[in-house]
Amino acid sequence: MKFTYTDEGLMNTLGFDAGDLNGRSLYDYHHAADSASLAHQFKSLFSKGQCETGQYRFLAKSGGYAWVQTQATVITDKQQKPISVVCVNYVIR
C-alpha cells in the first residue's frame, strides 16, 4: 500500500514535509520487528474489508520511531472490486 495523501498533522508530528510520503509504501517506514504483525493485519484487511492494527513503530524523519495505530477500510466499486484503501493513522506516542 502506498500513500496518496497524508494529513498535515501526521506529517508535522513525524517531521515530514508535504509530499514526502506520497507514493511511498508503509513498509518503507515501519520497524522490522513489526513486519509479521502488520502483514497479518493487512491480510485480514483484504479478506474482511477492514482492520485495525495493533500499535507499531513508524519511522520519523529525524530517525526515531513513533508508535502508531491504523484503522483501514477497503473501498470497492459497484461490482465489489477493491479500488483503494483508506487508512486513518493515530500517533499514540
PDB file of N, CA and C in Angstrom:
ATOM      1  N   MET A   1       0.842  -1.172   0.000  1.00  0.00           N
ATOM      2  CA  MET A   1       0.000   0.000   0.000  1.00  0.00           C
ATOM      3  C   MET A   1       0.889   1.237   0.000  1.00  0.00           C
ATOM      4  N   LYS A   2       0.517   2.184  -0.835  1.00  0.00           N
ATOM      5  CA  LYS A   2       1.298   3.409  -0.948  1.00  0.00           C
ATOM      6  C   LYS A   2       0.460   4.602  -0.515  1.00  0.00           C
ATOM      7  N   PHE A   3       1.133   5.557   0.072  1.00  0.00           N
ATOM      8  CA  PHE A   3       0.468   6.785   0.486  1.00  0.00           C
ATOM      9  C   PHE A   3       0.094   7.600  -0.748  1.00  0.00           C
ATOM     10  N   THR A   4      -1.146   8.099  -0.781  1.00  0.00           N
ATOM     11  CA  THR A   4      -1.565   9.023  -1.832  1.00  0.00           C
ATOM     12  C   THR A   4      -1.916  10.384  -1.249  1.00  0.00           C
ATOM     13  N   TYR A   5      -2.189  10.418   0.039  1.00  0.00           N
ATOM     14  CA  TYR A   5      -2.474  11.661   0.754  1.00  0.00           C
ATOM     15  C   TYR A   5      -2.060  11.447   2.200  1.00  0.00           C
ATOM     16  N   THR A   6      -1.462  12.461   2.786  1.00  0.00           N
ATOM     17  CA  THR A   6      -1.075  12.380   4.189  1.00  0.00           C
ATOM     18  C   THR A   6      -1.523  13.648   4.889  1.00  0.00           C
ATOM     19  N   ASP A   7      -2.219  13.485   5.993  1.00  0.00           N
ATOM     20  CA  ASP A   7      -2.700  14.601   6.784  1.00  0.00           C
ATOM     21  C   ASP A   7      -1.531  15.445   7.291  1.00  0.00           C
ATOM     22  N   GLU A   8      -1.719  16.764   7.259  1.00  0.00           N
ATOM     23  CA  GLU A   8      -0.675  17.689   7.700  1.00  0.00           C
ATOM     24  C   GLU A   8      -0.266  17.457   9.155  1.00  0.00           C
ATOM     25  N   GLY A   9      -1.222  17.113  10.005  1.00  0.00           N
ATOM     26  CA  GLY A   9      -0.913  16.862  11.415  1.00  0.00           C
ATOM     27  C   GLY A   9       0.026  15.686  11.594  1.00  0.00           C
ATOM     28  N   LEU A  10      -0.209  14.610  10.848  1.00  0.00           N
ATOM     29  CA  LEU A  10       0.671  13.444  10.925  1.00  0.00           C
ATOM     30  C   LEU A  10       2.064  13.798  10.426  1.00  0.00           C
ATOM     31  N   MET A  11       2.125  14.541   9.331  1.00  0.00           N
ATOM     32  CA  MET A  11       3.428  14.926   8.793  1.00  0.00           C
ATOM     33  C   MET A  11       4.199  15.780   9.792  1.00  0.00           C
ATOM     34  N   ASN A  12       3.519  16.748  10.404  1.00  0.00           N
ATOM     35  CA  ASN A  12       4.185  17.615  11.375  1.00  0.00           C
ATOM     36  C   ASN A  12       4.678  16.824  12.575  1.00  0.00           C
ATOM     37  N   THR A  13       3.867  15.905  13.063  1.00  0.00           N
ATOM     38  CA  THR A  13       4.241  15.097  14.220  1.00  0.00           C
ATOM     39  C   THR A  13       5.472  14.251  13.930  1.00  0.00           C
ATOM     40  N   LEU A  14       5.556  13.716  12.720  1.00  0.00           N
ATOM     41  CA  LEU A  14       6.667  12.837  12.351  1.00  0.00           C
ATOM     42  C   LEU A  14       7.808  13.567  11.646  1.00  0.00           C
ATOM     43  N   GLY A  15       7.639  14.888  11.404  1.00  0.00           N
ATOM     44  CA  GLY A  15       8.714  15.699  10.832  1.00  0.00           C
ATOM     45  C   GLY A  15       8.817  15.696   9.321  1.00  0.00           C
ATOM     46  N   PHE A  16       7.820  15.182   8.630  1.00  0.00           N
ATOM     47  CA  PHE A  16       7.869  15.128   7.170  1.00  0.00           C
ATOM     48  C   PHE A  16       7.302  16.397   6.559  1.00  0.00           C
ATOM     49  N   ASP A  17       7.745  16.709   5.340  1.00  0.00           N
ATOM     50  CA  ASP A  17       7.212  17.820   4.570  1.00  0.00           C
ATOM     51  C   ASP A  17       6.107  17.303   3.654  1.00  0.00           C
ATOM     52  N   ALA A  18       5.298  18.235   3.134  1.00  0.00           N
ATOM     53  CA  ALA A  18       4.209  17.861   2.233  1.00  0.00           C
ATOM     54  C   ALA A  18       4.755  17.037   1.074  1.00  0.00           C
ATOM     55  N   GLY A  19       4.141  15.906   0.831  1.00  0.00           N
ATOM     56  CA  GLY A  19       4.517  15.061  -0.285  1.00  0.00           C
ATOM     57  C   GLY A  19       5.647  14.081  -0.021  1.00  0.00           C
ATOM     58  N   ASP A  20       6.324  14.185   1.133  1.00  0.00           N
ATOM     59  CA  ASP A  20       7.433  13.265   1.433  1.00  0.00           C
ATOM     60  C   ASP A  20       6.998  11.803   1.388  1.00  0.00           C
ATOM     61  N   LEU A  21       5.812  11.514   1.883  1.00  0.00           N
ATOM     62  CA  LEU A  21       5.354  10.126   1.972  1.00  0.00           C
ATOM     63  C   LEU A  21       4.569   9.674   0.744  1.00  0.00           C
ATOM     64  N   ASN A  22       4.029  10.623  -0.014  1.00  0.00           N
ATOM     65  CA  ASN A  22       3.188  10.263  -1.161  1.00  0.00           C
ATOM     66  C   ASN A  22       3.959   9.410  -2.162  1.00  0.00           C
ATOM     67  N   GLY A  23       3.328   8.301  -2.559  1.00  0.00           N
ATOM     68  CA  GLY A  23       3.940   7.368  -3.487  1.00  0.00           C
ATOM     69  C   GLY A  23       4.852   6.347  -2.820  1.00  0.00           C
ATOM     70  N   ARG A  24       5.075   6.511  -1.525  1.00  0.00           N
ATOM     71  CA  ARG A  24       5.930   5.587  -0.773  1.00  0.00           C
ATOM     72  C   ARG A  24       5.054   4.553  -0.073  1.00  0.00           C
ATOM     73  N   SER A  25       5.637   3.418   0.231  1.00  0.00           N
ATOM     74  CA  SER A  25       4.919   2.337   0.896  1.00  0.00           C
ATOM     75  C   SER A  25       5.026   2.463   2.410  1.00  0.00           C
ATOM     76  N   LEU A  26       3.973   2.061   3.092  1.00  0.00           N
ATOM     77  CA  LEU A  26       4.013   1.972   4.555  1.00  0.00           C
ATOM     78  C   LEU A  26       5.188   1.116   4.992  1.00  0.00           C
ATOM     79  N   TYR A  27       5.468   0.082   4.221  1.00  0.00           N
ATOM     80  CA  TYR A  27       6.523  -0.858   4.588  1.00  0.00           C
ATOM     81  C   TYR A  27       7.923  -0.245   4.506  1.00  0.00           C
ATOM     82  N   ASP A  28       8.052   0.952   3.918  1.00  0.00           N
ATOM     83  CA  ASP A  28       9.329   1.669   3.921  1.00  0.00           C
ATOM     84  C   ASP A  28       9.593   2.335   5.267  1.00  0.00           C
ATOM     85  N   TYR A  29       8.565   2.447   6.103  1.00  0.00           N
ATOM     86  CA  TYR A  29       8.670   3.259   7.313  1.00  0.00           C
ATOM     87  C   TYR A  29       8.401   2.520   8.618  1.00  0.00           C
ATOM     88  N   HIS A  30       7.933   1.305   8.578  1.00  0.00           N
ATOM     89  CA  HIS A  30       7.658   0.607   9.833  1.00  0.00           C
ATOM     90  C   HIS A  30       8.922  -0.079  10.343  1.00  0.00           C
ATOM     91  N   HIS A  31       8.946  -0.382  11.621  1.00  0.00           N
ATOM     92  CA  HIS A  31      10.075  -1.085  12.240  1.00  0.00           C
ATOM     93  C   HIS A  31      10.031  -2.554  11.823  1.00  0.00           C
ATOM     94  N   ALA A  32      11.186  -3.121  11.508  1.00  0.00           N
ATOM     95  CA  ALA A  32      11.255  -4.509  11.023  1.00  0.00           C
ATOM     96  C   ALA A  32      10.638  -5.506  11.999  1.00  0.00           C
ATOM     97  N   ALA A  33      10.733  -5.233  13.295  1.00  0.00           N
ATOM     98  CA  ALA A  33      10.175  -6.152  14.294  1.00  0.00           C
ATOM     99  C   ALA A  33       8.648  -6.196  14.252  1.00  0.00           C
ATOM    100  N   ASP A  34       8.032  -5.228  13.576  1.00  0.00           N
ATOM    101  CA  ASP A  34       6.570  -5.175  13.490  1.00  0.00           C
ATOM    102  C   ASP A  34       6.039  -5.755  12.178  1.00  0.00           C
ATOM    103  N   SER A  35       6.914  -6.259  11.322  1.00  0.00           N
ATOM    104  CA  SER A  35       6.519  -6.735   9.987  1.00  0.00           C
ATOM    105  C   SER A  35       5.484  -7.847  10.017  1.00  0.00           C
ATOM    106  N   ALA A  36       5.714  -8.871  10.822  1.00  0.00           N
ATOM    107  CA  ALA A  36       4.803 -10.025  10.840  1.00  0.00           C
ATOM    108  C   ALA A  36       3.409  -9.620  11.290  1.00  0.00           C
ATOM    109  N   SER A  37       3.329  -8.811  12.320  1.00  0.00           N
ATOM    110  CA  SER A  37       2.033  -8.364  12.831  1.00  0.00           C
ATOM    111  C   SER A  37       1.293  -7.531  11.789  1.00  0.00           C
ATOM    112  N   LEU A  38       1.990  -6.595  11.148  1.00  0.00           N
ATOM    113  CA  LEU A  38       1.350  -5.765  10.128  1.00  0.00           C
ATOM    114  C   LEU A  38       0.894  -6.600   8.936  1.00  0.00           C
ATOM    115  N   ALA A  39       1.723  -7.525   8.505  1.00  0.00           N
ATOM    116  CA  ALA A  39       1.348  -8.382   7.373  1.00  0.00           C
ATOM    117  C   ALA A  39       0.084  -9.171   7.691  1.00  0.00           C
ATOM    118  N   HIS A  40      -0.011  -9.693   8.908  1.00  0.00           N
ATOM    119  CA  HIS A  40      -1.195 -10.441   9.334  1.00  0.00           C
ATOM    120  C   HIS A  40      -2.432  -9.539   9.330  1.00  0.00           C
ATOM    121  N   GLN A  41      -2.296  -8.320   9.864  1.00  0.00           N
ATOM    122  CA  GLN A  41      -3.436  -7.404   9.919  1.00  0.00           C
ATOM    123  C   GLN A  41      -3.898  -6.997   8.526  1.00  0.00           C
ATOM    124  N   PHE A  42      -2.952  -6.724   7.630  1.00  0.00           N
ATOM    125  CA  PHE A  42      -3.349  -6.292   6.299  1.00  0.00           C
ATOM    126  C   PHE A  42      -3.874  -7.444   5.453  1.00  0.00           C
ATOM    127  N   LYS A  43      -3.476  -8.660   5.746  1.00  0.00           N
ATOM    128  CA  LYS A  43      -4.081  -9.829   5.094  1.00  0.00           C
ATOM    129  C   LYS A  43      -5.552  -9.904   5.514  1.00  0.00           C
ATOM    130  N   SER A  44      -5.811  -9.663   6.788  1.00  0.00           N
ATOM    131  CA  SER A  44      -7.180  -9.627   7.305  1.00  0.00           C
ATOM    132  C   SER A  44      -7.980  -8.507   6.645  1.00  0.00           C
ATOM    133  N   LEU A  45      -7.336  -7.385   6.388  1.00  0.00           N
ATOM    134  CA  LEU A  45      -7.994  -6.253   5.733  1.00  0.00           C
ATOM    135  C   LEU A  45      -8.614  -6.683   4.411  1.00  0.00           C
ATOM    136  N   PHE A  46      -7.864  -7.412   3.613  1.00  0.00           N
ATOM    137  CA  PHE A  46      -8.365  -7.772   2.291  1.00  0.00           C
ATOM    138  C   PHE A  46      -9.355  -8.926   2.316  1.00  0.00           C
ATOM    139  N   SER A  47      -9.395  -9.687   3.388  1.00  0.00           N
ATOM    140  CA  SER A  47     -10.401 -10.745   3.476  1.00  0.00           C
ATOM    141  C   SER A  47     -11.691 -10.243   4.123  1.00  0.00           C
ATOM    142  N   LYS A  48     -11.598  -9.283   5.037  1.00  0.00           N
ATOM    143  CA  LYS A  48     -12.773  -8.793   5.761  1.00  0.00           C
ATOM    144  C   LYS A  48     -13.243  -7.414   5.323  1.00  0.00           C
ATOM    145  N   GLY A  49     -12.381  -6.665   4.634  1.00  0.00           N
ATOM    146  CA  GLY A  49     -12.763  -5.333   4.177  1.00  0.00           C
ATOM    147  C   GLY A  49     -12.348  -4.214   5.103  1.00  0.00           C
ATOM    148  N   GLN A  50     -11.929  -4.561   6.308  1.00  0.00           N
ATOM    149  CA  GLN A  50     -11.445  -3.536   7.234  1.00  0.00           C
ATOM    150  C   GLN A  50     -10.597  -4.186   8.312  1.00  0.00           C
ATOM    151  N   CYS A  51      -9.765  -3.369   8.948  1.00  0.00           N
ATOM    152  CA  CYS A  51      -8.960  -3.877  10.055  1.00  0.00           C
ATOM    153  C   CYS A  51      -8.484  -2.720  10.916  1.00  0.00           C
ATOM    154  N   GLU A  52      -8.055  -3.065  12.092  1.00  0.00           N
ATOM    155  CA  GLU A  52      -7.378  -2.121  12.972  1.00  0.00           C
ATOM    156  C   GLU A  52      -6.095  -2.802  13.419  1.00  0.00           C
ATOM    157  N   THR A  53      -4.980  -2.152  13.161  1.00  0.00           N
ATOM    158  CA  THR A  53      -3.704  -2.738  13.559  1.00  0.00           C
ATOM    159  C   THR A  53      -3.515  -2.558  15.055  1.00  0.00           C
ATOM    160  N   GLY A  54      -2.629  -3.323  15.593  1.00  0.00           N
ATOM    161  CA  GLY A  54      -2.136  -3.010  16.922  1.00  0.00           C
ATOM    162  C   GLY A  54      -1.176  -1.837  16.781  1.00  0.00           C
ATOM    163  N   GLN A  55      -0.552  -1.464  17.853  1.00  0.00           N
ATOM    164  CA  GLN A  55       0.423  -0.386  17.788  1.00  0.00           C
ATOM    165  C   GLN A  55       1.696  -0.893  17.122  1.00  0.00           C
ATOM    166  N   TYR A  56       2.260  -0.066  16.263  1.00  0.00           N
ATOM    167  CA  TYR A  56       3.522  -0.397  15.603  1.00  0.00           C
ATOM    168  C   TYR A  56       4.378   0.859  15.500  1.00  0.00           C
ATOM    169  N   ARG A  57       5.650   0.651  15.257  1.00  0.00           N
ATOM    170  CA  ARG A  57       6.592   1.764  15.189  1.00  0.00           C
ATOM    171  C   ARG A  57       6.704   2.281  13.763  1.00  0.00           C
ATOM    172  N   PHE A  58       6.590   3.617  13.636  1.00  0.00           N
ATOM    173  CA  PHE A  58       6.666   4.288  12.339  1.00  0.00           C
ATOM    174  C   PHE A  58       7.864   5.226  12.372  1.00  0.00           C
ATOM    175  N   LEU A  59       8.731   5.113  11.373  1.00  0.00           N
ATOM    176  CA  LEU A  59       9.958   5.895  11.323  1.00  0.00           C
ATOM    177  C   LEU A  59       9.665   7.373  11.106  1.00  0.00           C
ATOM    178  N   ALA A  60      10.171   8.212  11.998  1.00  0.00           N
ATOM    179  CA  ALA A  60      10.055   9.658  11.843  1.00  0.00           C
ATOM    180  C   ALA A  60      11.201  10.152  10.965  1.00  0.00           C
ATOM    181  N   LYS A  61      11.056  11.335  10.404  1.00  0.00           N
ATOM    182  CA  LYS A  61      12.089  11.873   9.528  1.00  0.00           C
ATOM    183  C   LYS A  61      13.410  12.053  10.270  1.00  0.00           C
ATOM    184  N   SER A  62      13.341  12.323  11.568  1.00  0.00           N
ATOM    185  CA  SER A  62      14.545  12.527  12.383  1.00  0.00           C
ATOM    186  C   SER A  62      15.314  11.235  12.624  1.00  0.00           C
ATOM    187  N   GLY A  63      14.690  10.093  12.326  1.00  0.00           N
ATOM    188  CA  GLY A  63      15.341   8.804  12.515  1.00  0.00           C
ATOM    189  C   GLY A  63      14.808   8.009  13.685  1.00  0.00           C
ATOM    190  N   GLY A  64      14.091   8.635  14.599  1.00  0.00           N
ATOM    191  CA  GLY A  64      13.482   7.900  15.701  1.00  0.00           C
ATOM    192  C   GLY A  64      12.174   7.277  15.250  1.00  0.00           C
ATOM    193  N   TYR A  65      11.498   6.631  16.176  1.00  0.00           N
ATOM    194  CA  TYR A  65      10.216   5.998  15.859  1.00  0.00           C
ATOM    195  C   TYR A  65       9.112   6.568  16.729  1.00  0.00           C
ATOM    196  N   ALA A  66       7.912   6.644  16.166  1.00  0.00           N
ATOM    197  CA  ALA A  66       6.708   6.993  16.916  1.00  0.00           C
ATOM    198  C   ALA A  66       5.789   5.784  16.878  1.00  0.00           C
ATOM    199  N   TRP A  67       5.064   5.559  17.960  1.00  0.00           N
ATOM    200  CA  TRP A  67       4.087   4.469  17.985  1.00  0.00           C
ATOM    201  C   TRP A  67       2.814   4.946  17.300  1.00  0.00           C
ATOM    202  N   VAL A  68       2.328   4.146  16.357  1.00  0.00           N
ATOM    203  CA  VAL A  68       1.175   4.492  15.525  1.00  0.00           C
ATOM    204  C   VAL A  68       0.207   3.318  15.520  1.00  0.00           C
ATOM    205  N   GLN A  69      -1.063   3.627  15.351  1.00  0.00           N
ATOM    206  CA  GLN A  69      -2.098   2.607  15.159  1.00  0.00           C
ATOM    207  C   GLN A  69      -2.907   3.023  13.941  1.00  0.00           C
ATOM    208  N   THR A  70      -3.326   2.059  13.135  1.00  0.00           N
ATOM    209  CA  THR A  70      -4.018   2.350  11.882  1.00  0.00           C
ATOM    210  C   THR A  70      -5.362   1.637  11.818  1.00  0.00           C
ATOM    211  N   GLN A  71      -6.380   2.366  11.372  1.00  0.00           N
ATOM    212  CA  GLN A  71      -7.668   1.777  11.017  1.00  0.00           C
ATOM    213  C   GLN A  71      -7.764   1.862   9.500  1.00  0.00           C
ATOM    214  N   ALA A  72      -8.038   0.747   8.846  1.00  0.00           N
ATOM    215  CA  ALA A  72      -8.053   0.705   7.385  1.00  0.00           C
ATOM    216  C   ALA A  72      -9.353   0.097   6.881  1.00  0.00           C
ATOM    217  N   THR A  73      -9.850   0.642   5.774  1.00  0.00           N
ATOM    218  CA  THR A  73     -11.075   0.160   5.141  1.00  0.00           C
ATOM    219  C   THR A  73     -10.859   0.069   3.637  1.00  0.00           C
ATOM    220  N   VAL A  74     -11.271  -1.038   3.043  1.00  0.00           N
ATOM    221  CA  VAL A  74     -11.192  -1.217   1.595  1.00  0.00           C
ATOM    222  C   VAL A  74     -12.395  -0.530   0.958  1.00  0.00           C
ATOM    223  N   ILE A  75     -12.142   0.278  -0.061  1.00  0.00           N
ATOM    224  CA  ILE A  75     -13.197   0.929  -0.834  1.00  0.00           C
ATOM    225  C   ILE A  75     -13.373   0.123  -2.116  1.00  0.00           C
ATOM    226  N   THR A  76     -14.614  -0.242  -2.423  1.00  0.00           N
ATOM    227  CA  THR A  76     -14.893  -1.070  -3.599  1.00  0.00           C
ATOM    228  C   THR A  76     -15.754  -0.321  -4.609  1.00  0.00           C
ATOM    229  N   ASP A  77     -15.735  -0.802  -5.850  1.00  0.00           N
ATOM    230  CA  ASP A  77     -16.613  -0.251  -6.875  1.00  0.00           C
ATOM    231  C   ASP A  77     -17.971  -0.955  -6.812  1.00  0.00           C
ATOM    232  N   LYS A  78     -18.838  -0.686  -7.761  1.00  0.00           N
ATOM    233  CA  LYS A  78     -20.188  -1.264  -7.753  1.00  0.00           C
ATOM    234  C   LYS A  78     -20.187  -2.783  -7.889  1.00  0.00           C
ATOM    235  N   GLN A  79     -19.133  -3.333  -8.462  1.00  0.00           N
ATOM    236  CA  GLN A  79     -19.022  -4.786  -8.603  1.00  0.00           C
ATOM    237  C   GLN A  79     -18.267  -5.407  -7.422  1.00  0.00           C
ATOM    238  N   GLN A  80     -18.046  -4.621  -6.382  1.00  0.00           N
ATOM    239  CA  GLN A  80     -17.346  -5.058  -5.165  1.00  0.00           C
ATOM    240  C   GLN A  80     -15.873  -5.380  -5.393  1.00  0.00           C
ATOM    241  N   LYS A  81     -15.284  -4.803  -6.430  1.00  0.00           N
ATOM    242  CA  LYS A  81     -13.845  -4.958  -6.660  1.00  0.00           C
ATOM    243  C   LYS A  81     -13.117  -3.852  -5.900  1.00  0.00           C
ATOM    244  N   PRO A  82     -12.055  -4.190  -5.185  1.00  0.00           N
ATOM    245  CA  PRO A  82     -11.310  -3.166  -4.442  1.00  0.00           C
ATOM    246  C   PRO A  82     -10.704  -2.127  -5.385  1.00  0.00           C
ATOM    247  N   ILE A  83     -10.872  -0.852  -5.023  1.00  0.00           N
ATOM    248  CA  ILE A  83     -10.265   0.214  -5.824  1.00  0.00           C
ATOM    249  C   ILE A  83      -9.266   1.040  -5.011  1.00  0.00           C
ATOM    250  N   SER A  84      -9.418   1.054  -3.693  1.00  0.00           N
ATOM    251  CA  SER A  84      -8.459   1.767  -2.851  1.00  0.00           C
ATOM    252  C   SER A  84      -8.651   1.357  -1.400  1.00  0.00           C
ATOM    253  N   VAL A  85      -7.733   1.796  -0.581  1.00  0.00           N
ATOM    254  CA  VAL A  85      -7.809   1.564   0.859  1.00  0.00           C
ATOM    255  C   VAL A  85      -7.659   2.915   1.542  1.00  0.00           C
ATOM    256  N   VAL A  86      -8.564   3.217   2.448  1.00  0.00           N
ATOM    257  CA  VAL A  86      -8.476   4.441   3.239  1.00  0.00           C
ATOM    258  C   VAL A  86      -7.970   4.063   4.617  1.00  0.00           C
ATOM    259  N   CYS A  87      -6.891   4.716   5.032  1.00  0.00           N
ATOM    260  CA  CYS A  87      -6.305   4.449   6.349  1.00  0.00           C
ATOM    261  C   CYS A  87      -6.344   5.711   7.193  1.00  0.00           C
ATOM    262  N   VAL A  88      -6.721   5.547   8.433  1.00  0.00           N
ATOM    263  CA  VAL A  88      -6.640   6.620   9.415  1.00  0.00           C
ATOM    264  C   VAL A  88      -5.572   6.191  10.404  1.00  0.00           C
ATOM    265  N   ASN A  89      -4.527   7.009  10.512  1.00  0.00           N
ATOM    266  CA  ASN A  89      -3.395   6.687  11.374  1.00  0.00           C
ATOM    267  C   ASN A  89      -3.423   7.574  12.608  1.00  0.00           C
ATOM    268  N   TYR A  90      -3.239   6.963  13.749  1.00  0.00           N
ATOM    269  CA  TYR A  90      -3.201   7.678  15.018  1.00  0.00           C
ATOM    270  C   TYR A  90      -1.809   7.557  15.609  1.00  0.00           C
ATOM    271  N   VAL A  91      -1.186   8.700  15.898  1.00  0.00           N
ATOM    272  CA  VAL A  91       0.096   8.674  16.592  1.00  0.00           C
ATOM    273  C   VAL A  91      -0.208   8.528  18.072  1.00  0.00           C
ATOM    274  N   ILE A  92       0.256   7.428  18.654  1.00  0.00           N
ATOM    275  CA  ILE A  92      -0.018   7.121  20.054  1.00  0.00           C
ATOM    276  C   ILE A  92       0.966   7.855  20.954  1.00  0.00           C
ATOM    277  N   ARG A  93       2.242   7.779  20.594  1.00  0.00           N
ATOM    278  CA  ARG A  93       3.283   8.498  21.344  1.00  0.00           C
ATOM    279  C   ARG A  93       4.535   8.568  20.534  1.00  0.00           C
TER     280      ARG A  93
END
